[in-house]
Amino acid sequence: MLKYTMGSDGAFERRQMELAVMQDCPVSDVTEDDVVASYRRECDPKSDDPWMLEYLRLGVLAYRQGPHLFVHGGVHVHNIGTVPGVSGITADLDTWIAQLNSWKDAQLADYEADP
């Protein structure tokens, strides 16, 4: 998933190395299951330290500062004004930003209710 869906080729292996450093052990001692478990812990609402989940809670998909638009991903002719699950195009930029961020919040709430 990291390589083919998220464009993060090598992230799994880098996380494995990071865990080895954190645990002061050889990389060979950190299993693939250990890496997966670390990713899951970081997003698990029942975890002692779900820091990645908190990061997602605080983040937004789009933010406008004056004439500047900051987005996660990119804006192009095929997605401007669209919101997943909503038909039609939202023409007003501020309304679109609010709808995108509300969609993110709803998706995250659904995940937290049933991870």
Protein backbone atom coordinates (compact mmCIF):
# COMPACT_ATOMS: atom_id res chain seq x y z
CA MET A 1 0.00 0.00 0.00
CA LEU A 2 2.75 2.46 0.90
CA LYS A 3 4.53 1.93 -2.42
CA TYR A 4 1.65 1.63 -4.87
CA THR A 5 -1.16 3.66 -3.28
CA MET A 6 0.57 6.34 -1.27
CA GLY A 7 3.68 6.95 -3.37
CA SER A 8 5.90 6.14 -0.40
CA ASP A 9 8.25 3.52 -1.78
CA GLY A 10 10.76 2.57 0.92
CA ALA A 11 8.71 3.93 3.85
CA PHE A 12 8.15 0.47 5.30
CA GLU A 13 11.87 -0.29 5.31
CA ARG A 14 12.71 3.13 6.75
CA ARG A 15 10.20 2.54 9.56
CA GLN A 16 11.82 -0.84 10.22
CA MET A 17 15.22 0.88 10.53
CA GLU A 18 13.73 3.56 12.76
CA LEU A 19 12.27 0.95 15.09
CA ALA A 20 15.64 -0.79 15.26
CA VAL A 21 17.30 2.47 16.29
CA MET A 22 14.57 3.17 18.85
CA GLN A 23 14.93 -0.34 20.29
CA ASP A 24 18.73 -0.34 20.01
CA CYS A 25 18.78 -3.61 18.11
CA PRO A 26 19.78 -4.87 14.66
CA VAL A 27 17.30 -4.22 11.85
CA SER A 28 17.04 -7.98 11.38
CA ASP A 29 15.44 -8.20 14.85
CA VAL A 30 12.53 -5.97 13.78
CA THR A 31 9.98 -8.09 11.94
CA GLU A 32 7.46 -7.02 9.34
CA ASP A 33 4.78 -7.69 11.95
CA ASP A 34 6.56 -5.26 14.30
CA VAL A 35 6.43 -2.55 11.62
CA VAL A 36 2.74 -3.13 10.91
CA ALA A 37 1.97 -3.14 14.64
CA SER A 38 3.78 0.19 15.05
CA TYR A 39 1.73 1.79 12.27
CA ARG A 40 -1.48 0.43 13.77
CA ARG A 41 -0.61 1.63 17.30
CA GLU A 42 0.01 5.16 16.04
CA CYS A 43 -3.54 5.36 14.66
CA ASP A 44 -5.41 3.23 17.18
CA PRO A 45 -7.85 5.35 19.21
CA LYS A 46 -7.36 2.91 22.12
CA SER A 47 -3.57 3.16 22.02
CA ASP A 48 -1.64 4.87 24.82
CA ASP A 49 -0.11 7.26 22.29
CA PRO A 50 -2.07 7.53 19.02
CA TRP A 51 0.06 10.45 17.83
CA MET A 52 -0.66 9.94 14.13
CA LEU A 53 -4.39 9.87 14.81
CA GLU A 54 -4.04 13.14 16.73
CA TYR A 55 -2.08 14.60 13.81
CA LEU A 56 -4.92 13.63 11.47
CA ARG A 57 -7.50 15.12 13.84
CA LEU A 58 -5.68 18.45 13.85
CA GLY A 59 -4.96 18.52 10.14
CA VAL A 60 -7.07 19.83 7.29
CA LEU A 61 -7.29 18.87 3.63
CA ALA A 62 -7.52 22.47 2.49
CA TYR A 63 -6.69 25.83 4.02
CA ARG A 64 -6.96 29.33 2.60
CA GLN A 65 -4.74 32.18 3.70
CA GLY A 66 -5.74 35.27 1.75
CA PRO A 67 -5.27 34.52 -1.95
CA HIS A 68 -3.25 31.34 -1.22
CA LEU A 69 -4.74 27.85 -1.14
CA PHE A 70 -2.92 25.04 0.65
CA VAL A 71 -4.14 21.50 -0.04
CA HIS A 72 -3.16 17.93 0.64
CA GLY A 73 -2.69 16.54 -2.83
CA GLY A 74 -3.40 18.92 -5.65
CA VAL A 75 -6.12 20.87 -7.40
CA HIS A 76 -6.89 20.34 -11.06
CA VAL A 77 -9.82 20.55 -13.44
CA HIS A 78 -11.06 17.07 -12.44
CA ASN A 79 -11.36 17.72 -8.70
CA ILE A 80 -11.83 21.42 -8.06
CA GLY A 81 -15.12 22.01 -6.26
CA THR A 82 -15.77 18.30 -5.70
CA VAL A 83 -16.22 16.52 -2.38
CA PRO A 84 -16.31 12.73 -2.05
CA GLY A 85 -19.86 11.48 -1.72
CA VAL A 86 -21.38 14.81 -2.74
CA SER A 87 -22.81 15.24 -6.22
CA GLY A 88 -22.20 18.40 -8.16
CA ILE A 89 -19.55 21.09 -7.99
CA THR A 90 -19.21 23.65 -5.22
CA ALA A 91 -18.34 26.94 -6.89
CA ASP A 92 -17.54 28.98 -3.77
CA LEU A 93 -13.95 28.33 -2.63
CA ASP A 94 -14.56 28.85 1.08
CA THR A 95 -17.63 26.60 1.02
CA TRP A 96 -15.65 23.94 -0.82
CA ILE A 97 -12.82 24.11 1.74
CA ALA A 98 -15.32 23.77 4.59
CA GLN A 99 -17.00 20.80 2.90
CA LEU A 100 -13.67 19.03 2.27
CA ASN A 101 -12.57 19.48 5.86
CA SER A 102 -15.96 18.37 7.17
CA TRP A 103 -15.73 15.26 4.99
CA LYS A 104 -12.27 14.50 6.46
CA ASP A 105 -13.60 14.96 9.99
CA ALA A 106 -16.56 12.64 9.30
CA GLN A 107 -14.30 9.98 7.79
CA LEU A 108 -12.00 10.15 10.79
CA ALA A 109 -14.95 9.94 13.21
CA ASP A 110 -16.20 6.84 11.35
CA TYR A 111 -12.74 5.29 11.65
CA GLU A 112 -12.47 6.10 15.35
CA ALA A 113 -15.89 4.56 15.99
CA ASP A 114 -14.85 1.35 14.20
CA PRO A 115 -11.12 1.11 13.53
